[in-house]
Amino acid sequence: MSPETRLVEVRKNILKQNDLIARDLRSRFQASGVIVISLVSSPGSGKTAFLEKILTLLASDSRVAALVGDLATENDAARLARSGVPVKQITTGTVCHLDAAMVLNALEDWNLGELDFLFIENVGNLVCPSSYDLGEALRLVLLSVTEGEDKPLKYPTIFNSADVAVITKIDLADAVEFNRELAIANIHAVRPDMHILEVSSKTGQGMLEFLAFVASRRRSRAGAAAPS
């Protein structure tokens, strides 16, 4: 057996185990009535700023918490904690993504029945997270206007594994000569009819639309779970 064959087998086993844990997590989340939303992006996309704004806005009338993954520091967790909601850091060391087992361990002492929304901020990376299901109901992939319109074409797997694309830092679009139509066309070239939202954490543009979107998903989940 060649080393390459062995590597493929190990990777398959790792992903299979991850999928089993993710499946159990998804069942647990659904039974608890919590909507779990994960965020993936490259470093510097404005993911933490966006999430801090969302947590702050949702906290006024919803029960919200967040898990945040990072290679080494707890800077993002400390920043998100300013929103006033429960936040827990997952330090991954040299691992460039979160996996379902990490999420399971982080939730060990949390009562999911006390939450309406749980957000999971993944490590900044557009490659590794695409393969790892975390049991989430929604996966958001963030693309900032400063990254270039061709990001979806360069990283098609992550866009195909996500449910919603969020274009961030939209307030800077004119300054960086961002081609909105081209970016949207590239997203749809990879994932036709993908839902796209445009936001600015600085000005608040698009935030109400995002809140309305997640609220509609929660109502749909509640309606589906209601006895007939």
Protein backbone atom coordinates (compact mmCIF):
# COMPACT_ATOMS: atom_id res chain seq x y z
CA MET A 1 0.00 0.00 0.00
CA SER A 2 1.48 3.34 -1.04
CA PRO A 3 1.80 6.28 1.38
CA GLU A 4 -0.63 8.22 -0.80
CA THR A 5 -3.29 5.50 -0.50
CA ARG A 6 -2.81 5.38 3.26
CA LEU A 7 -3.22 9.16 3.50
CA VAL A 8 -6.50 9.04 1.56
CA GLU A 9 -7.84 6.29 3.83
CA VAL A 10 -6.93 8.19 6.99
CA ARG A 11 -8.59 11.33 5.66
CA LYS A 12 -11.75 9.41 4.77
CA ASN A 13 -11.90 7.95 8.27
CA ILE A 14 -11.43 11.39 9.85
CA LEU A 15 -14.19 12.90 7.75
CA LYS A 16 -16.50 9.95 8.41
CA GLN A 17 -16.04 10.34 12.16
CA ASN A 18 -16.61 14.09 11.86
CA ASP A 19 -19.84 13.52 9.91
CA LEU A 20 -21.15 11.14 12.58
CA ILE A 21 -20.53 13.69 15.33
CA ALA A 22 -22.00 16.48 13.19
CA ARG A 23 -25.13 14.41 12.56
CA ASP A 24 -25.63 13.93 16.29
CA LEU A 25 -25.00 17.63 16.91
CA ARG A 26 -27.56 18.58 14.26
CA SER A 27 -30.18 16.36 15.91
CA ARG A 28 -29.34 17.88 19.29
CA PHE A 29 -29.60 21.42 17.94
CA GLN A 30 -32.95 20.70 16.30
CA ALA A 31 -34.33 19.09 19.46
CA SER A 32 -33.23 22.13 21.49
CA GLY A 33 -34.80 24.58 19.04
CA VAL A 34 -31.58 26.54 18.54
CA ILE A 35 -30.59 27.85 15.10
CA VAL A 36 -26.87 27.30 14.56
CA ILE A 37 -25.11 29.53 12.04
CA SER A 38 -21.44 29.14 11.12
CA LEU A 39 -19.25 31.74 9.45
CA VAL A 40 -16.31 31.00 7.18
CA SER A 41 -14.02 33.42 5.39
CA SER A 42 -10.43 34.28 4.67
CA PRO A 43 -8.51 36.32 7.28
CA GLY A 44 -9.31 40.02 7.20
CA SER A 45 -12.77 39.73 5.65
CA GLY A 46 -14.44 41.52 8.58
CA LYS A 47 -15.96 38.32 9.98
CA THR A 48 -15.47 39.21 13.65
CA ALA A 49 -16.69 42.80 13.20
CA PHE A 50 -19.78 41.52 11.39
CA LEU A 51 -20.49 38.93 14.07
CA GLU A 52 -20.00 41.41 16.91
CA LYS A 53 -22.57 43.71 15.31
CA ILE A 54 -25.04 40.86 14.79
CA LEU A 55 -24.66 39.54 18.33
CA THR A 56 -25.23 43.01 19.76
CA LEU A 57 -28.36 43.57 17.68
CA LEU A 58 -29.84 40.13 18.34
CA ALA A 59 -29.15 40.25 22.08
CA SER A 60 -31.87 42.84 22.59
CA ASP A 61 -34.67 40.35 21.96
CA SER A 62 -33.11 36.91 21.48
CA ARG A 63 -31.01 34.45 23.46
CA VAL A 64 -27.70 34.32 21.64
CA ALA A 65 -24.24 32.80 22.13
CA ALA A 66 -21.11 32.28 20.08
CA LEU A 67 -18.18 29.93 19.68
CA VAL A 68 -15.08 31.35 18.02
CA GLY A 69 -12.16 29.42 16.60
CA ASP A 70 -8.62 30.73 16.31
CA LEU A 71 -5.19 29.21 15.93
CA ALA A 72 -3.64 30.81 19.01
CA THR A 73 -5.10 33.97 20.53
CA GLU A 74 -8.33 34.74 22.33
CA ASN A 75 -8.55 38.22 20.82
CA ASP A 76 -11.69 37.53 18.78
CA ALA A 77 -13.51 35.97 21.75
CA ALA A 78 -12.68 38.98 23.91
CA ARG A 79 -13.97 41.28 21.19
CA LEU A 80 -17.22 39.35 20.73
CA ALA A 81 -17.78 39.29 24.50
CA ARG A 82 -18.31 43.06 24.32
CA SER A 83 -21.73 42.26 22.85
CA GLY A 84 -22.79 40.96 26.26
CA VAL A 85 -23.64 37.43 25.11
CA PRO A 86 -21.94 34.18 26.21
CA VAL A 87 -18.81 33.56 24.13
CA LYS A 88 -16.37 30.67 24.24
CA GLN A 89 -13.00 30.42 22.54
CA ILE A 90 -11.87 27.26 20.73
CA THR A 91 -8.09 27.34 20.27
CA THR A 92 -7.08 25.00 17.47
CA GLY A 93 -3.28 25.23 17.66
CA THR A 94 -1.92 24.21 14.27
CA VAL A 95 -5.29 23.01 12.94
CA CYS A 96 -6.64 25.38 10.29
CA HIS A 97 -10.35 24.70 10.89
CA LEU A 98 -12.95 23.74 13.46
CA ASP A 99 -14.36 20.24 13.45
CA ALA A 100 -17.50 18.75 14.97
CA ALA A 101 -15.64 17.22 17.93
CA MET A 102 -14.26 20.64 18.90
CA VAL A 103 -17.78 22.09 18.83
CA LEU A 104 -19.14 19.18 20.86
CA ASN A 105 -16.48 19.65 23.54
CA ALA A 106 -17.00 23.41 23.69
CA LEU A 107 -20.74 22.95 24.29
CA GLU A 108 -20.28 20.48 27.13
CA ASP A 109 -21.44 22.85 29.88
CA TRP A 110 -23.95 24.91 27.87
CA ASN A 111 -27.71 24.40 27.96
CA LEU A 112 -28.75 24.66 24.32
CA GLY A 113 -32.41 24.87 25.33
CA GLU A 114 -31.67 28.34 26.68
CA LEU A 115 -30.57 29.65 23.28
CA ASP A 116 -32.38 30.89 20.18
CA PHE A 117 -29.22 31.35 18.08
CA LEU A 118 -25.72 29.94 18.29
CA PHE A 119 -23.06 31.40 16.00
CA ILE A 120 -19.82 29.57 15.22
CA GLU A 121 -16.97 31.66 13.83
CA ASN A 122 -14.54 29.35 12.08
CA VAL A 123 -10.81 29.87 11.71
CA GLY A 124 -9.95 32.31 8.90
CA ASN A 125 -9.45 29.93 5.97
CA LEU A 126 -11.30 29.23 2.73
CA VAL A 127 -9.94 25.72 2.14
CA CYS A 128 -10.00 23.41 5.17
CA PRO A 129 -13.41 24.36 6.66
CA SER A 130 -15.23 23.33 3.48
CA SER A 131 -14.82 19.63 4.30
CA TYR A 132 -16.00 19.74 7.91
CA ASP A 133 -19.68 19.70 8.78
CA LEU A 134 -20.30 21.28 12.20
CA GLY A 135 -23.97 20.37 12.45
CA GLU A 136 -24.98 23.93 11.59
CA ALA A 137 -28.31 24.87 10.05
CA LEU A 138 -26.74 27.64 7.96
CA ARG A 139 -23.23 28.22 6.73
CA LEU A 140 -22.30 31.73 5.68
CA VAL A 141 -19.28 32.43 3.51
CA LEU A 142 -18.03 36.00 3.76
CA LEU A 143 -16.31 37.90 0.97
CA SER A 144 -15.08 41.44 1.53
CA VAL A 145 -14.97 44.03 -1.23
CA THR A 146 -11.23 44.41 -0.58
CA GLU A 147 -10.48 40.78 -1.53
CA GLY A 148 -11.35 40.92 -5.21
CA GLU A 149 -14.29 39.76 -7.25
CA ASP A 150 -12.67 36.47 -8.30
CA LYS A 151 -12.56 34.89 -4.81
CA PRO A 152 -15.50 32.55 -5.57
CA LEU A 153 -13.71 31.27 -8.67
CA LYS A 154 -10.51 30.64 -6.73
CA TYR A 155 -12.26 28.87 -3.86
CA PRO A 156 -15.35 27.23 -5.38
CA THR A 157 -15.60 24.40 -2.83
CA ILE A 158 -16.29 26.68 0.12
CA PHE A 159 -18.94 28.58 -1.84
CA ASN A 160 -20.55 25.29 -2.85
CA SER A 161 -20.61 24.09 0.76
CA ALA A 162 -22.15 27.33 2.07
CA ASP A 163 -25.81 28.36 2.08
CA VAL A 164 -25.44 32.14 1.92
CA ALA A 165 -22.76 34.52 0.61
CA VAL A 166 -22.25 37.74 2.56
CA ILE A 167 -20.36 40.56 0.88
CA THR A 168 -18.77 42.61 3.67
CA LYS A 169 -17.27 46.11 3.94
CA ILE A 170 -19.73 47.29 1.29
CA ASP A 171 -19.12 50.88 2.45
CA LEU A 172 -15.65 50.62 0.88
CA ALA A 173 -16.90 49.38 -2.49
CA ASP A 174 -16.45 52.65 -4.34
CA ALA A 175 -13.08 53.40 -2.77
CA VAL A 176 -11.59 50.06 -3.87
CA GLU A 177 -13.44 50.08 -7.22
CA PHE A 178 -15.30 46.89 -6.34
CA ASN A 179 -17.24 45.48 -9.29
CA ARG A 180 -20.44 44.33 -7.60
CA GLU A 181 -22.03 42.85 -10.71
CA LEU A 182 -18.92 40.80 -11.51
CA ALA A 183 -18.63 39.51 -7.94
CA ILE A 184 -22.27 38.41 -7.93
CA ALA A 185 -21.87 36.80 -11.36
CA ASN A 186 -18.83 34.88 -10.11
CA ILE A 187 -20.70 33.66 -7.04
CA HIS A 188 -23.58 32.48 -9.18
CA ALA A 189 -21.20 30.88 -11.68
CA VAL A 190 -20.03 28.64 -8.85
CA ARG A 191 -23.35 28.32 -7.03
CA PRO A 192 -26.36 29.31 -9.17
CA ASP A 193 -29.14 31.13 -7.30
CA MET A 194 -27.08 31.39 -4.12
CA HIS A 195 -28.61 33.89 -1.69
CA ILE A 196 -26.38 36.97 -1.39
CA LEU A 197 -26.44 39.69 1.25
CA GLU A 198 -24.39 42.91 1.26
CA VAL A 199 -23.42 44.44 4.61
CA SER A 200 -21.28 47.01 6.33
CA SER A 201 -20.42 46.53 10.00
CA LYS A 202 -19.24 50.15 10.12
CA THR A 203 -22.37 51.86 8.78
CA GLY A 204 -24.93 49.17 9.57
CA GLN A 205 -25.96 48.82 5.93
CA GLY A 206 -27.64 45.49 5.29
CA MET A 207 -27.73 44.44 8.95
CA LEU A 208 -31.50 44.70 9.27
CA GLU A 209 -31.89 42.63 6.13
CA PHE A 210 -29.60 39.98 7.61
CA LEU A 211 -31.55 39.94 10.88
CA ALA A 212 -34.80 39.58 8.94
CA PHE A 213 -33.28 36.69 7.00
CA VAL A 214 -32.20 34.71 10.08
CA ALA A 215 -35.51 35.48 11.81
CA SER A 216 -37.37 34.03 8.83
CA ARG A 217 -35.25 30.88 9.04
CA ARG A 218 -36.08 30.55 12.71
CA ARG A 219 -39.81 30.94 12.01
CA SER A 220 -39.56 28.31 9.29
CA ARG A 221 -37.80 25.94 11.68
CA ALA A 222 -40.40 26.57 14.37
CA GLY A 223 -43.23 25.99 11.90
CA ALA A 224 -41.71 22.74 10.70
CA ALA A 225 -41.26 21.52 14.27
CA ALA A 226 -44.81 22.40 15.36
CA PRO A 227 -47.17 19.39 15.71
CA SER A 228 -49.74 19.12 12.93
